[in-house]
Amino acid sequence: MQLILSSILFYFSFITFSSAYIGPGMGVGLIASILGIIVAIIAALFGIIYFPLKRFLKKKKKEKSKN
């Protein structure tokens, strides 16, 4: 365990910053993927909440019309 920790510490002690250029295509792709994840989460929440509620209200409306 000590060997692993010391090798990790040795590895991270020599990290340097790179001056890499991220083009506009990469930025647009990043924004699109983040928006896609957010839309997927919202759609999942909508499906989890809306469809059971719709079924419940439809069932309640049928019971009300029978009486």
PDB file of N, CA and C in Angstrom:
ATOM      1  N   MET A   1       0.830  -1.196   0.000  1.00  0.00           N
ATOM      2  CA  MET A   1       0.000   0.000   0.000  1.00  0.00           C
ATOM      3  C   MET A   1       0.868   1.251   0.000  1.00  0.00           C
ATOM      4  N   GLN A   2       1.949   1.196   0.772  1.00  0.00           N
ATOM      5  CA  GLN A   2       2.829   2.355   0.855  1.00  0.00           C
ATOM      6  C   GLN A   2       3.525   2.600  -0.488  1.00  0.00           C
ATOM      7  N   LEU A   3       3.829   1.523  -1.189  1.00  0.00           N
ATOM      8  CA  LEU A   3       4.460   1.648  -2.500  1.00  0.00           C
ATOM      9  C   LEU A   3       3.512   2.332  -3.492  1.00  0.00           C
ATOM     10  N   ILE A   4       2.230   1.973  -3.427  1.00  0.00           N
ATOM     11  CA  ILE A   4       1.239   2.573  -4.325  1.00  0.00           C
ATOM     12  C   ILE A   4       1.085   4.055  -4.028  1.00  0.00           C
ATOM     13  N   LEU A   5       0.967   4.394  -2.755  1.00  0.00           N
ATOM     14  CA  LEU A   5       0.811   5.799  -2.384  1.00  0.00           C
ATOM     15  C   LEU A   5       2.040   6.626  -2.741  1.00  0.00           C
ATOM     16  N   SER A   6       3.215   6.074  -2.526  1.00  0.00           N
ATOM     17  CA  SER A   6       4.424   6.827  -2.855  1.00  0.00           C
ATOM     18  C   SER A   6       4.590   6.971  -4.365  1.00  0.00           C
ATOM     19  N   SER A   7       4.183   5.963  -5.146  1.00  0.00           N
ATOM     20  CA  SER A   7       4.281   6.095  -6.598  1.00  0.00           C
ATOM     21  C   SER A   7       3.255   7.090  -7.134  1.00  0.00           C
ATOM     22  N   ILE A   8       2.066   7.144  -6.529  1.00  0.00           N
ATOM     23  CA  ILE A   8       1.071   8.147  -6.920  1.00  0.00           C
ATOM     24  C   ILE A   8       1.584   9.545  -6.594  1.00  0.00           C
ATOM     25  N   LEU A   9       2.158   9.716  -5.425  1.00  0.00           N
ATOM     26  CA  LEU A   9       2.712  11.014  -5.033  1.00  0.00           C
ATOM     27  C   LEU A   9       3.849  11.409  -5.975  1.00  0.00           C
ATOM     28  N   PHE A  10       4.680  10.465  -6.337  1.00  0.00           N
ATOM     29  CA  PHE A  10       5.784  10.734  -7.265  1.00  0.00           C
ATOM     30  C   PHE A  10       5.237  11.144  -8.628  1.00  0.00           C
ATOM     31  N   TYR A  11       4.208  10.464  -9.092  1.00  0.00           N
ATOM     32  CA  TYR A  11       3.611  10.780 -10.395  1.00  0.00           C
ATOM     33  C   TYR A  11       3.024  12.183 -10.405  1.00  0.00           C
ATOM     34  N   PHE A  12       2.264  12.537  -9.371  1.00  0.00           N
ATOM     35  CA  PHE A  12       1.610  13.840  -9.337  1.00  0.00           C
ATOM     36  C   PHE A  12       2.557  14.988  -9.008  1.00  0.00           C
ATOM     37  N   SER A  13       3.745  14.708  -8.569  1.00  0.00           N
ATOM     38  CA  SER A  13       4.681  15.794  -8.270  1.00  0.00           C
ATOM     39  C   SER A  13       5.340  16.349  -9.535  1.00  0.00           C
ATOM     40  N   PHE A  14       5.233  15.649 -10.652  1.00  0.00           N
ATOM     41  CA  PHE A  14       5.857  16.101 -11.896  1.00  0.00           C
ATOM     42  C   PHE A  14       4.846  16.546 -12.948  1.00  0.00           C
ATOM     43  N   ILE A  15       3.635  16.845 -12.553  1.00  0.00           N
ATOM     44  CA  ILE A  15       2.624  17.295 -13.501  1.00  0.00           C
ATOM     45  C   ILE A  15       2.889  18.753 -13.855  1.00  0.00           C
ATOM     46  N   THR A  16       2.839  19.052 -15.132  1.00  0.00           N
ATOM     47  CA  THR A  16       2.984  20.436 -15.585  1.00  0.00           C
ATOM     48  C   THR A  16       1.744  20.812 -16.382  1.00  0.00           C
ATOM     49  N   PHE A  17       1.503  22.087 -16.482  1.00  0.00           N
ATOM     50  CA  PHE A  17       0.371  22.573 -17.240  1.00  0.00           C
ATOM     51  C   PHE A  17       0.705  22.565 -18.725  1.00  0.00           C
ATOM     52  N   SER A  18      -0.269  22.259 -19.526  1.00  0.00           N
ATOM     53  CA  SER A  18      -0.054  22.285 -20.973  1.00  0.00           C
ATOM     54  C   SER A  18      -0.800  23.477 -21.554  1.00  0.00           C
ATOM     55  N   SER A  19      -0.294  24.008 -22.599  1.00  0.00           N
ATOM     56  CA  SER A  19      -0.928  25.140 -23.267  1.00  0.00           C
ATOM     57  C   SER A  19      -1.599  24.630 -24.537  1.00  0.00           C
ATOM     58  N   ALA A  20      -2.619  23.870 -24.365  1.00  0.00           N
ATOM     59  CA  ALA A  20      -3.309  23.263 -25.502  1.00  0.00           C
ATOM     60  C   ALA A  20      -4.431  24.185 -25.960  1.00  0.00           C
ATOM     61  N   TYR A  21      -4.652  24.184 -27.260  1.00  0.00           N
ATOM     62  CA  TYR A  21      -5.722  24.985 -27.851  1.00  0.00           C
ATOM     63  C   TYR A  21      -6.946  24.101 -28.026  1.00  0.00           C
ATOM     64  N   ILE A  22      -8.049  24.555 -27.480  1.00  0.00           N
ATOM     65  CA  ILE A  22      -9.321  23.859 -27.669  1.00  0.00           C
ATOM     66  C   ILE A  22     -10.109  24.691 -28.660  1.00  0.00           C
ATOM     67  N   GLY A  23     -10.328  24.139 -29.820  1.00  0.00           N
ATOM     68  CA  GLY A  23     -11.000  24.864 -30.885  1.00  0.00           C
ATOM     69  C   GLY A  23     -12.477  25.070 -30.613  1.00  0.00           C
ATOM     70  N   PRO A  24     -13.112  25.887 -31.439  1.00  0.00           N
ATOM     71  CA  PRO A  24     -14.539  26.163 -31.244  1.00  0.00           C
ATOM     72  C   PRO A  24     -15.413  24.920 -31.426  1.00  0.00           C
ATOM     73  N   GLY A  25     -14.974  23.983 -32.254  1.00  0.00           N
ATOM     74  CA  GLY A  25     -15.743  22.756 -32.435  1.00  0.00           C
ATOM     75  C   GLY A  25     -15.828  21.949 -31.153  1.00  0.00           C
ATOM     76  N   MET A  26     -14.732  21.892 -30.424  1.00  0.00           N
ATOM     77  CA  MET A  26     -14.714  21.168 -29.158  1.00  0.00           C
ATOM     78  C   MET A  26     -15.596  21.877 -28.131  1.00  0.00           C
ATOM     79  N   GLY A  27     -15.585  23.186 -28.121  1.00  0.00           N
ATOM     80  CA  GLY A  27     -16.426  23.941 -27.186  1.00  0.00           C
ATOM     81  C   GLY A  27     -17.901  23.736 -27.467  1.00  0.00           C
ATOM     82  N   VAL A  28     -18.262  23.776 -28.745  1.00  0.00           N
ATOM     83  CA  VAL A  28     -19.658  23.569 -29.123  1.00  0.00           C
ATOM     84  C   VAL A  28     -20.080  22.135 -28.793  1.00  0.00           C
ATOM     85  N   GLY A  29     -19.202  21.181 -29.016  1.00  0.00           N
ATOM     86  CA  GLY A  29     -19.514  19.791 -28.672  1.00  0.00           C
ATOM     87  C   GLY A  29     -19.717  19.605 -27.181  1.00  0.00           C
ATOM     88  N   LEU A  30     -18.900  20.277 -26.396  1.00  0.00           N
ATOM     89  CA  LEU A  30     -19.047  20.208 -24.936  1.00  0.00           C
ATOM     90  C   LEU A  30     -20.372  20.802 -24.492  1.00  0.00           C
ATOM     91  N   ILE A  31     -20.718  21.949 -25.041  1.00  0.00           N
ATOM     92  CA  ILE A  31     -21.988  22.591 -24.687  1.00  0.00           C
ATOM     93  C   ILE A  31     -23.160  21.705 -25.109  1.00  0.00           C
ATOM     94  N   ALA A  32     -23.088  21.120 -26.293  1.00  0.00           N
ATOM     95  CA  ALA A  32     -24.168  20.259 -26.777  1.00  0.00           C
ATOM     96  C   ALA A  32     -24.319  19.021 -25.900  1.00  0.00           C
ATOM     97  N   SER A  33     -23.222  18.437 -25.476  1.00  0.00           N
ATOM     98  CA  SER A  33     -23.333  17.241 -24.636  1.00  0.00           C
ATOM     99  C   SER A  33     -23.876  17.583 -23.253  1.00  0.00           C
ATOM    100  N   ILE A  34     -23.485  18.720 -22.701  1.00  0.00           N
ATOM    101  CA  ILE A  34     -24.019  19.131 -21.393  1.00  0.00           C
ATOM    102  C   ILE A  34     -25.511  19.409 -21.498  1.00  0.00           C
ATOM    103  N   LEU A  35     -25.923  20.117 -22.559  1.00  0.00           N
ATOM    104  CA  LEU A  35     -27.355  20.375 -22.745  1.00  0.00           C
ATOM    105  C   LEU A  35     -28.128  19.081 -22.971  1.00  0.00           C
ATOM    106  N   GLY A  36     -27.528  18.132 -23.682  1.00  0.00           N
ATOM    107  CA  GLY A  36     -28.175  16.845 -23.895  1.00  0.00           C
ATOM    108  C   GLY A  36     -28.399  16.094 -22.600  1.00  0.00           C
ATOM    109  N   ILE A  37     -27.423  16.127 -21.721  1.00  0.00           N
ATOM    110  CA  ILE A  37     -27.566  15.466 -20.415  1.00  0.00           C
ATOM    111  C   ILE A  37     -28.664  16.135 -19.596  1.00  0.00           C
ATOM    112  N   ILE A  38     -28.692  17.470 -19.615  1.00  0.00           N
ATOM    113  CA  ILE A  38     -29.713  18.199 -18.848  1.00  0.00           C
ATOM    114  C   ILE A  38     -31.105  17.899 -19.391  1.00  0.00           C
ATOM    115  N   VAL A  39     -31.263  17.900 -20.712  1.00  0.00           N
ATOM    116  CA  VAL A  39     -32.568  17.607 -21.323  1.00  0.00           C
ATOM    117  C   VAL A  39     -32.990  16.171 -21.015  1.00  0.00           C
ATOM    118  N   ALA A  40     -32.060  15.243 -21.022  1.00  0.00           N
ATOM    119  CA  ALA A  40     -32.386  13.847 -20.706  1.00  0.00           C
ATOM    120  C   ALA A  40     -32.861  13.706 -19.263  1.00  0.00           C
ATOM    121  N   ILE A  41     -32.231  14.417 -18.352  1.00  0.00           N
ATOM    122  CA  ILE A  41     -32.651  14.363 -16.947  1.00  0.00           C
ATOM    123  C   ILE A  41     -34.047  14.955 -16.782  1.00  0.00           C
ATOM    124  N   ILE A  42     -34.294  16.095 -17.447  1.00  0.00           N
ATOM    125  CA  ILE A  42     -35.615  16.725 -17.354  1.00  0.00           C
ATOM    126  C   ILE A  42     -36.682  15.827 -17.971  1.00  0.00           C
ATOM    127  N   ALA A  43     -36.385  15.199 -19.108  1.00  0.00           N
ATOM    128  CA  ALA A  43     -37.354  14.297 -19.742  1.00  0.00           C
ATOM    129  C   ALA A  43     -37.637  13.086 -18.862  1.00  0.00           C
ATOM    130  N   ALA A  44     -36.625  12.568 -18.204  1.00  0.00           N
ATOM    131  CA  ALA A  44     -36.828  11.426 -17.302  1.00  0.00           C
ATOM    132  C   ALA A  44     -37.706  11.824 -16.121  1.00  0.00           C
ATOM    133  N   LEU A  45     -37.441  12.970 -15.535  1.00  0.00           N
ATOM    134  CA  LEU A  45     -38.270  13.441 -14.419  1.00  0.00           C
ATOM    135  C   LEU A  45     -39.708  13.681 -14.872  1.00  0.00           C
ATOM    136  N   PHE A  46     -39.869  14.252 -16.059  1.00  0.00           N
ATOM    137  CA  PHE A  46     -41.204  14.482 -16.600  1.00  0.00           C
ATOM    138  C   PHE A  46     -41.947  13.160 -16.770  1.00  0.00           C
ATOM    139  N   GLY A  47     -41.274  12.167 -17.309  1.00  0.00           N
ATOM    140  CA  GLY A  47     -41.899  10.864 -17.505  1.00  0.00           C
ATOM    141  C   GLY A  47     -42.244  10.184 -16.196  1.00  0.00           C
ATOM    142  N   ILE A  48     -41.381  10.324 -15.219  1.00  0.00           N
ATOM    143  CA  ILE A  48     -41.624   9.696 -13.922  1.00  0.00           C
ATOM    144  C   ILE A  48     -42.801  10.350 -13.206  1.00  0.00           C
ATOM    145  N   ILE A  49     -42.962  11.649 -13.377  1.00  0.00           N
ATOM    146  CA  ILE A  49     -44.020  12.368 -12.666  1.00  0.00           C
ATOM    147  C   ILE A  49     -45.320  12.404 -13.466  1.00  0.00           C
ATOM    148  N   TYR A  50     -45.245  12.710 -14.767  1.00  0.00           N
ATOM    149  CA  TYR A  50     -46.446  12.986 -15.551  1.00  0.00           C
ATOM    150  C   TYR A  50     -47.287  11.741 -15.844  1.00  0.00           C
ATOM    151  N   PHE A  51     -46.663  10.694 -16.333  1.00  0.00           N
ATOM    152  CA  PHE A  51     -47.452   9.546 -16.783  1.00  0.00           C
ATOM    153  C   PHE A  51     -48.189   8.826 -15.657  1.00  0.00           C
ATOM    154  N   PRO A  52     -47.606   8.581 -14.492  1.00  0.00           N
ATOM    155  CA  PRO A  52     -48.414   8.000 -13.404  1.00  0.00           C
ATOM    156  C   PRO A  52     -49.526   8.947 -12.933  1.00  0.00           C
ATOM    157  N   LEU A  53     -49.248  10.247 -12.935  1.00  0.00           N
ATOM    158  CA  LEU A  53     -50.268  11.222 -12.547  1.00  0.00           C
ATOM    159  C   LEU A  53     -51.410  11.227 -13.561  1.00  0.00           C
ATOM    160  N   LYS A  54     -51.088  11.135 -14.835  1.00  0.00           N
ATOM    161  CA  LYS A  54     -52.098  11.080 -15.889  1.00  0.00           C
ATOM    162  C   LYS A  54     -52.967   9.842 -15.732  1.00  0.00           C
ATOM    163  N   ARG A  55     -52.343   8.710 -15.471  1.00  0.00           N
ATOM    164  CA  ARG A  55     -53.087   7.463 -15.274  1.00  0.00           C
ATOM    165  C   ARG A  55     -53.999   7.562 -14.052  1.00  0.00           C
ATOM    166  N   PHE A  56     -53.505   8.160 -12.976  1.00  0.00           N
ATOM    167  CA  PHE A  56     -54.303   8.315 -11.763  1.00  0.00           C
ATOM    168  C   PHE A  56     -55.515   9.209 -12.010  1.00  0.00           C
ATOM    169  N   LEU A  57     -55.304  10.334 -12.711  1.00  0.00           N
ATOM    170  CA  LEU A  57     -56.408  11.246 -12.979  1.00  0.00           C
ATOM    171  C   LEU A  57     -57.435  10.626 -13.925  1.00  0.00           C
ATOM    172  N   LYS A  58     -56.977   9.840 -14.897  1.00  0.00           N
ATOM    173  CA  LYS A  58     -57.884   9.166 -15.809  1.00  0.00           C
ATOM    174  C   LYS A  58     -58.728   8.134 -15.064  1.00  0.00           C
ATOM    175  N   LYS A  59     -58.094   7.412 -14.155  1.00  0.00           N
ATOM    176  CA  LYS A  59     -58.809   6.412 -13.356  1.00  0.00           C
ATOM    177  C   LYS A  59     -59.833   7.091 -12.440  1.00  0.00           C
ATOM    178  N   LYS A  60     -59.463   8.217 -11.865  1.00  0.00           N
ATOM    179  CA  LYS A  60     -60.367   8.937 -10.980  1.00  0.00           C
ATOM    180  C   LYS A  60     -61.548   9.510 -11.760  1.00  0.00           C
ATOM    181  N   LYS A  61     -61.296   9.954 -12.999  1.00  0.00           N
ATOM    182  CA  LYS A  61     -62.360  10.503 -13.839  1.00  0.00           C
ATOM    183  C   LYS A  61     -63.349   9.402 -14.222  1.00  0.00           C
ATOM    184  N   LYS A  62     -62.836   8.185 -14.501  1.00  0.00           N
ATOM    185  CA  LYS A  62     -63.733   7.061 -14.830  1.00  0.00           C
ATOM    186  C   LYS A  62     -64.613   6.712 -13.630  1.00  0.00           C
ATOM    187  N   GLU A  63     -64.033   6.695 -12.440  1.00  0.00           N
ATOM    188  CA  GLU A  63     -64.803   6.385 -11.237  1.00  0.00           C
ATOM    189  C   GLU A  63     -65.873   7.444 -10.995  1.00  0.00           C
ATOM    190  N   LYS A  64     -65.541   8.704 -11.275  1.00  0.00           N
ATOM    191  CA  LYS A  64     -66.492   9.793 -11.057  1.00  0.00           C
ATOM    192  C   LYS A  64     -67.634   9.707 -12.070  1.00  0.00           C
ATOM    193  N   SER A  65     -67.324   9.321 -13.311  1.00  0.00           N
ATOM    194  CA  SER A  65     -68.382   9.226 -14.321  1.00  0.00           C
ATOM    195  C   SER A  65     -69.292   8.028 -14.093  1.00  0.00           C
ATOM    196  N   LYS A  66     -68.811   6.986 -13.447  1.00  0.00           N
ATOM    197  CA  LYS A  66     -69.637   5.818 -13.143  1.00  0.00           C
ATOM    198  C   LYS A  66     -70.673   6.140 -12.088  1.00  0.00           C
ATOM    199  N   ASN A  67     -70.345   7.020 -11.146  1.00  0.00           N
ATOM    200  CA  ASN A  67     -71.254   7.348 -10.040  1.00  0.00           C
ATOM    201  C   ASN A  67     -72.208   8.390 -10.471  1.00  0.00           C
TER     202      ASN A  67
END
